[in-house]
């Protein structure tokens, strides 16, 4: 994964491994006592044991990570079939309704009742797409990159993005994919049902 000074991979069995630089913010998702606590490096891949089910996808932003389990749950470190996140949370990018760091995967409760099928992270913002084609974003909103007018600079919990107006000529739409950069986001949408 890029965008941060650590590496992450998912095995064919769905186990997730991390290694690299740790600054005490939890970006490796290993928890206390499993790697350097307040800075340093981990040169050998270590399994993230807090994940209860196989991982299908992983995405990294600036100093944080998000994982999607095979049963549709999103972890920014978290729970079975949910979205989980961990690492540096200073811009709300973990989606835990705070700006606290998270050293082990924790469920994003605001998405716990949704089935997430796609995730993306970039800079200090995050995104998730549900099986209904709805887009949710959270994190740094300083440059309006979350696509929701009127947000504060830090959006610490997911908000639904309704970026297409009824009179735009596209009609009903579903979000298929999203890419998140340092100060922007882009989506691919379809007019048909997901």
C-alpha atoms as a PDB file:
ATOM      1  CA  UNK A   1       0.000   0.000   0.000  1.00  0.00           C
ATOM      2  CA  UNK A   2       1.195   3.542  -0.638  1.00  0.00           C
ATOM      3  CA  UNK A   3       0.682   6.921   1.108  1.00  0.00           C
ATOM      4  CA  UNK A   4       2.267   5.876   4.389  1.00  0.00           C
ATOM      5  CA  UNK A   5       5.623   4.595   5.657  1.00  0.00           C
ATOM      6  CA  UNK A   6       4.500   1.041   6.252  1.00  0.00           C
ATOM      7  CA  UNK A   7       3.487  -1.943   4.151  1.00  0.00           C
ATOM      8  CA  UNK A   8       0.368  -4.072   4.277  1.00  0.00           C
ATOM      9  CA  UNK A   9      -0.747  -7.197   2.456  1.00  0.00           C
ATOM     10  CA  UNK A  10      -3.659  -9.629   2.514  1.00  0.00           C
ATOM     11  CA  UNK A  11      -2.990 -13.378   2.125  1.00  0.00           C
ATOM     12  CA  UNK A  12      -5.250 -15.571   0.007  1.00  0.00           C
ATOM     13  CA  UNK A  13      -6.770 -16.863   3.274  1.00  0.00           C
ATOM     14  CA  UNK A  14      -7.799 -13.300   4.188  1.00  0.00           C
ATOM     15  CA  UNK A  15      -5.210 -12.710   6.923  1.00  0.00           C
ATOM     16  CA  UNK A  16      -3.767  -9.181   7.053  1.00  0.00           C
ATOM     17  CA  UNK A  17      -0.085  -8.450   7.756  1.00  0.00           C
ATOM     18  CA  UNK A  18       1.635  -5.108   8.423  1.00  0.00           C
ATOM     19  CA  UNK A  19       5.189  -3.878   8.942  1.00  0.00           C
ATOM     20  CA  UNK A  20       7.185  -0.677   8.646  1.00  0.00           C
ATOM     21  CA  UNK A  21       7.366   2.587  10.554  1.00  0.00           C
ATOM     22  CA  UNK A  22       5.230   3.051  13.683  1.00  0.00           C
ATOM     23  CA  UNK A  23       4.970   6.433  15.422  1.00  0.00           C
ATOM     24  CA  UNK A  24       2.859   5.327  18.385  1.00  0.00           C
ATOM     25  CA  UNK A  25      -0.384   6.225  16.572  1.00  0.00           C
ATOM     26  CA  UNK A  26      -1.433   2.646  15.817  1.00  0.00           C
ATOM     27  CA  UNK A  27      -1.003   2.748  12.039  1.00  0.00           C
ATOM     28  CA  UNK A  28       0.186  -0.888  11.997  1.00  0.00           C
ATOM     29  CA  UNK A  29      -2.950  -2.072  13.831  1.00  0.00           C
ATOM     30  CA  UNK A  30      -0.969  -4.419  16.060  1.00  0.00           C
ATOM     31  CA  UNK A  31      -1.973  -2.943  19.409  1.00  0.00           C
ATOM     32  CA  UNK A  32       0.169  -2.250  22.473  1.00  0.00           C
ATOM     33  CA  UNK A  33       3.212  -4.472  22.945  1.00  0.00           C
ATOM     34  CA  UNK A  34       3.204  -5.811  19.369  1.00  0.00           C
ATOM     35  CA  UNK A  35       5.843  -3.693  17.687  1.00  0.00           C
ATOM     36  CA  UNK A  36       7.420  -0.357  18.519  1.00  0.00           C
ATOM     37  CA  UNK A  37       5.230   1.712  20.849  1.00  0.00           C
ATOM     38  CA  UNK A  38       6.431   5.274  20.398  1.00  0.00           C
ATOM     39  CA  UNK A  39       8.307   5.286  17.132  1.00  0.00           C
ATOM     40  CA  UNK A  40      10.604   2.950  15.318  1.00  0.00           C
ATOM     41  CA  UNK A  41      10.300   0.270  12.729  1.00  0.00           C
ATOM     42  CA  UNK A  42       9.110  -3.281  12.425  1.00  0.00           C
ATOM     43  CA  UNK A  43      11.044  -5.098   9.688  1.00  0.00           C
ATOM     44  CA  UNK A  44       9.138  -8.400   9.760  1.00  0.00           C
ATOM     45  CA  UNK A  45       5.473  -8.708   8.671  1.00  0.00           C
ATOM     46  CA  UNK A  46       3.163  -9.246  11.662  1.00  0.00           C
ATOM     47  CA  UNK A  47      -0.415 -10.520  11.545  1.00  0.00           C
ATOM     48  CA  UNK A  48      -3.159  -8.110  12.634  1.00  0.00           C
ATOM     49  CA  UNK A  49      -4.870 -10.476  15.077  1.00  0.00           C
ATOM     50  CA  UNK A  50      -7.752  -8.179  16.044  1.00  0.00           C
ATOM     51  CA  UNK A  51      -9.590  -8.835  12.762  1.00  0.00           C
ATOM     52  CA  UNK A  52     -12.233 -11.549  13.374  1.00  0.00           C
ATOM     53  CA  UNK A  53     -13.010 -12.523   9.771  1.00  0.00           C
ATOM     54  CA  UNK A  54     -11.119 -12.790   6.467  1.00  0.00           C
ATOM     55  CA  UNK A  55     -10.167  -9.488   4.822  1.00  0.00           C
ATOM     56  CA  UNK A  56     -11.224  -8.872   1.201  1.00  0.00           C
ATOM     57  CA  UNK A  57      -9.691  -5.413   0.639  1.00  0.00           C
ATOM     58  CA  UNK A  58      -7.458  -2.892   2.366  1.00  0.00           C
ATOM     59  CA  UNK A  59      -6.807   0.805   1.727  1.00  0.00           C
ATOM     60  CA  UNK A  60      -4.270   3.165   3.293  1.00  0.00           C
ATOM     61  CA  UNK A  61      -4.360   6.901   3.787  1.00  0.00           C
ATOM     62  CA  UNK A  62      -1.836   9.161   5.458  1.00  0.00           C
ATOM     63  CA  UNK A  63      -0.865   7.232   8.617  1.00  0.00           C
ATOM     64  CA  UNK A  64      -4.088   5.195   8.904  1.00  0.00           C
ATOM     65  CA  UNK A  65      -5.608   2.062   7.392  1.00  0.00           C
ATOM     66  CA  UNK A  66      -9.078   0.753   6.572  1.00  0.00           C
ATOM     67  CA  UNK A  67     -10.036  -2.867   5.844  1.00  0.00           C
ATOM     68  CA  UNK A  68     -13.137  -4.469   4.358  1.00  0.00           C
ATOM     69  CA  UNK A  69     -13.955  -8.004   5.502  1.00  0.00           C
ATOM     70  CA  UNK A  70     -15.270 -10.670   3.127  1.00  0.00           C
ATOM     71  CA  UNK A  71     -18.738 -10.418   4.640  1.00  0.00           C
ATOM     72  CA  UNK A  72     -18.980  -6.710   3.814  1.00  0.00           C
ATOM     73  CA  UNK A  73     -17.889  -5.078   7.062  1.00  0.00           C
ATOM     74  CA  UNK A  74     -15.509  -2.144   6.980  1.00  0.00           C
ATOM     75  CA  UNK A  75     -12.708  -1.907   9.526  1.00  0.00           C
ATOM     76  CA  UNK A  76     -10.683   1.164  10.199  1.00  0.00           C
ATOM     77  CA  UNK A  77      -9.738  -1.502  12.462  1.00  0.00           C
ATOM     78  CA  UNK A  78     -12.898  -3.310  13.555  1.00  0.00           C
ATOM     79  CA  UNK A  79     -15.666  -5.973  13.571  1.00  0.00           C
ATOM     80  CA  UNK A  80     -16.993  -8.899  11.534  1.00  0.00           C
ATOM     81  CA  UNK A  81     -18.594  -7.748   8.278  1.00  0.00           C
ATOM     82  CA  UNK A  82     -18.162  -4.128   9.286  1.00  0.00           C
ATOM     83  CA  UNK A  83     -15.853  -1.279   8.430  1.00  0.00           C
ATOM     84  CA  UNK A  84     -12.876  -0.961  10.748  1.00  0.00           C
ATOM     85  CA  UNK A  85     -10.096   1.610  10.994  1.00  0.00           C
ATOM     86  CA  UNK A  86      -6.944   2.311  12.971  1.00  0.00           C
ATOM     87  CA  UNK A  87      -3.962   4.632  13.109  1.00  0.00           C
ATOM     88  CA  UNK A  88      -3.739   8.427  13.261  1.00  0.00           C
ATOM     89  CA  UNK A  89      -7.187   9.997  13.691  1.00  0.00           C
ATOM     90  CA  UNK A  90      -6.336  13.701  13.929  1.00  0.00           C
ATOM     91  CA  UNK A  91      -8.632  14.731  11.052  1.00  0.00           C
ATOM     92  CA  UNK A  92     -11.540  12.400  11.831  1.00  0.00           C
ATOM     93  CA  UNK A  93     -10.474  10.049   9.029  1.00  0.00           C
ATOM     94  CA  UNK A  94     -11.047   6.936  11.144  1.00  0.00           C
ATOM     95  CA  UNK A  95     -14.803   7.561  11.289  1.00  0.00           C
ATOM     96  CA  UNK A  96     -15.110   6.934  15.044  1.00  0.00           C
ATOM     97  CA  UNK A  97     -16.796  10.281  15.819  1.00  0.00           C
ATOM     98  CA  UNK A  98     -13.568  11.603  17.361  1.00  0.00           C
ATOM     99  CA  UNK A  99     -10.067  12.686  16.412  1.00  0.00           C
ATOM    100  CA  UNK A 100      -8.366  10.140  18.664  1.00  0.00           C
ATOM    101  CA  UNK A 101      -5.741   7.692  17.407  1.00  0.00           C
ATOM    102  CA  UNK A 102      -6.756   4.018  17.306  1.00  0.00           C
ATOM    103  CA  UNK A 103      -4.033   1.407  17.936  1.00  0.00           C
ATOM    104  CA  UNK A 104      -6.074  -1.671  17.005  1.00  0.00           C
ATOM    105  CA  UNK A 105      -8.881  -2.159  14.479  1.00  0.00           C
ATOM    106  CA  UNK A 106     -12.239  -0.771  15.678  1.00  0.00           C
ATOM    107  CA  UNK A 107     -15.641  -0.886  13.992  1.00  0.00           C
ATOM    108  CA  UNK A 108     -16.993   2.273  12.406  1.00  0.00           C
ATOM    109  CA  UNK A 109     -20.320   2.206  14.245  1.00  0.00           C
ATOM    110  CA  UNK A 110     -22.038   4.684  11.900  1.00  0.00           C
ATOM    111  CA  UNK A 111     -21.740   2.079   9.109  1.00  0.00           C
ATOM    112  CA  UNK A 112     -22.446  -1.016  11.225  1.00  0.00           C
ATOM    113  CA  UNK A 113     -25.911  -1.560   9.704  1.00  0.00           C
ATOM    114  CA  UNK A 114     -24.680  -1.096   6.101  1.00  0.00           C
ATOM    115  CA  UNK A 115     -23.123  -3.681   3.792  1.00  0.00           C
ATOM    116  CA  UNK A 116     -20.015  -1.985   2.414  1.00  0.00           C
ATOM    117  CA  UNK A 117     -18.652  -3.251  -0.913  1.00  0.00           C
ATOM    118  CA  UNK A 118     -15.873  -0.744  -1.699  1.00  0.00           C
ATOM    119  CA  UNK A 119     -13.463   1.368   0.367  1.00  0.00           C
ATOM    120  CA  UNK A 120     -10.889   4.067  -0.347  1.00  0.00           C
ATOM    121  CA  UNK A 121      -8.545   6.272   1.686  1.00  0.00           C
ATOM    122  CA  UNK A 122      -6.310   9.157   0.750  1.00  0.00           C
ATOM    123  CA  UNK A 123      -4.485  11.864   2.633  1.00  0.00           C
ATOM    124  CA  UNK A 124      -6.685  12.280   5.693  1.00  0.00           C
ATOM    125  CA  UNK A 125     -10.107  11.392   4.237  1.00  0.00           C
ATOM    126  CA  UNK A 126     -11.964   8.092   3.811  1.00  0.00           C
ATOM    127  CA  UNK A 127     -14.843   6.730   1.725  1.00  0.00           C
ATOM    128  CA  UNK A 128     -17.111   3.683   1.602  1.00  0.00           C
ATOM    129  CA  UNK A 129     -19.702   2.536  -0.945  1.00  0.00           C
ATOM    130  CA  UNK A 130     -22.624   0.350   0.122  1.00  0.00           C
ATOM    131  CA  UNK A 131     -24.301  -2.458  -1.803  1.00  0.00           C
ATOM    132  CA  UNK A 132     -27.103   0.049  -2.536  1.00  0.00           C
ATOM    133  CA  UNK A 133     -24.676   2.305  -4.430  1.00  0.00           C
ATOM    134  CA  UNK A 134     -24.571   4.977  -1.720  1.00  0.00           C
ATOM    135  CA  UNK A 135     -21.351   6.864  -0.996  1.00  0.00           C
ATOM    136  CA  UNK A 136     -20.273   7.817   2.532  1.00  0.00           C
ATOM    137  CA  UNK A 137     -17.237  10.004   3.283  1.00  0.00           C
ATOM    138  CA  UNK A 138     -15.506  11.349   6.397  1.00  0.00           C
ATOM    139  CA  UNK A 139     -12.278  12.965   7.580  1.00  0.00           C
ATOM    140  CA  UNK A 140     -10.611  16.180   6.443  1.00  0.00           C
ATOM    141  CA  UNK A 141     -13.153  18.490   4.768  1.00  0.00           C
ATOM    142  CA  UNK A 142     -10.992  21.628   4.667  1.00  0.00           C
ATOM    143  CA  UNK A 143     -10.910  21.719   0.847  1.00  0.00           C
ATOM    144  CA  UNK A 144     -14.526  20.486   0.381  1.00  0.00           C
ATOM    145  CA  UNK A 145     -13.133  17.103  -0.751  1.00  0.00           C
ATOM    146  CA  UNK A 146     -15.948  15.190   0.963  1.00  0.00           C
ATOM    147  CA  UNK A 147     -18.535  16.555  -1.477  1.00  0.00           C
ATOM    148  CA  UNK A 148     -21.006  17.730   1.161  1.00  0.00           C
ATOM    149  CA  UNK A 149     -21.563  21.495   1.458  1.00  0.00           C
ATOM    150  CA  UNK A 150     -21.424  23.137   4.884  1.00  0.00           C
ATOM    151  CA  UNK A 151     -19.240  20.627   6.736  1.00  0.00           C
ATOM    152  CA  UNK A 152     -16.705  21.726   9.333  1.00  0.00           C
ATOM    153  CA  UNK A 153     -13.013  21.193   8.521  1.00  0.00           C
ATOM    154  CA  UNK A 154     -13.099  17.886  10.427  1.00  0.00           C
ATOM    155  CA  UNK A 155     -15.935  15.418   9.770  1.00  0.00           C
ATOM    156  CA  UNK A 156     -15.278  12.648  12.303  1.00  0.00           C
ATOM    157  CA  UNK A 157     -18.164  10.351  11.308  1.00  0.00           C
ATOM    158  CA  UNK A 158     -19.420   9.161   7.895  1.00  0.00           C
ATOM    159  CA  UNK A 159     -21.922  11.327   6.003  1.00  0.00           C
ATOM    160  CA  UNK A 160     -23.847  10.304   2.898  1.00  0.00           C
ATOM    161  CA  UNK A 161     -22.765  12.187  -0.224  1.00  0.00           C
ATOM    162  CA  UNK A 162     -25.688  13.342  -2.375  1.00  0.00           C
ATOM    163  CA  UNK A 163     -23.633  15.159  -4.954  1.00  0.00           C
ATOM    164  CA  UNK A 164     -25.868  14.828  -8.016  1.00  0.00           C
ATOM    165  CA  UNK A 165     -28.903  17.057  -8.218  1.00  0.00           C
ATOM    166  CA  UNK A 166     -32.234  15.816  -9.608  1.00  0.00           C
ATOM    167  CA  UNK A 167     -32.085  18.365 -12.437  1.00  0.00           C
ATOM    168  CA  UNK A 168     -28.592  17.426 -13.625  1.00  0.00           C
ATOM    169  CA  UNK A 169     -29.931  15.187 -16.399  1.00  0.00           C
ATOM    170  CA  UNK A 170     -28.421  11.983 -15.012  1.00  0.00           C
ATOM    171  CA  UNK A 171     -31.471  10.873 -13.078  1.00  0.00           C
ATOM    172  CA  UNK A 172     -31.190   8.158 -10.429  1.00  0.00           C
ATOM    173  CA  UNK A 173     -27.621   6.973  -9.955  1.00  0.00           C
ATOM    174  CA  UNK A 174     -25.463   4.514  -8.038  1.00  0.00           C
ATOM    175  CA  UNK A 175     -21.850   5.046  -7.063  1.00  0.00           C
ATOM    176  CA  UNK A 176     -19.656   2.219  -8.390  1.00  0.00           C
ATOM    177  CA  UNK A 177     -16.192   3.300  -7.235  1.00  0.00           C
ATOM    178  CA  UNK A 178     -14.390   6.194  -5.575  1.00  0.00           C
ATOM    179  CA  UNK A 179     -10.801   7.408  -5.449  1.00  0.00           C
ATOM    180  CA  UNK A 180      -9.622   9.698  -2.652  1.00  0.00           C
ATOM    181  CA  UNK A 181      -6.605  11.986  -2.986  1.00  0.00           C
ATOM    182  CA  UNK A 182      -4.969  14.388  -0.563  1.00  0.00           C
ATOM    183  CA  UNK A 183      -7.432  17.216  -1.315  1.00  0.00           C
ATOM    184  CA  UNK A 184     -10.013  15.711  -3.684  1.00  0.00           C
ATOM    185  CA  UNK A 185     -12.209  12.706  -4.442  1.00  0.00           C
ATOM    186  CA  UNK A 186     -13.597  11.307  -7.701  1.00  0.00           C
ATOM    187  CA  UNK A 187     -16.471   8.873  -8.288  1.00  0.00           C
ATOM    188  CA  UNK A 188     -17.690   6.615 -11.055  1.00  0.00           C
ATOM    189  CA  UNK A 189     -21.498   6.487 -11.153  1.00  0.00           C
ATOM    190  CA  UNK A 190     -24.086   4.500 -13.089  1.00  0.00           C
ATOM    191  CA  UNK A 191     -27.695   5.306 -13.885  1.00  0.00           C
ATOM    192  CA  UNK A 192     -28.706   1.658 -13.454  1.00  0.00           C
ATOM    193  CA  UNK A 193     -29.201  -0.272 -10.216  1.00  0.00           C
ATOM    194  CA  UNK A 194     -26.142  -1.883  -8.631  1.00  0.00           C
END
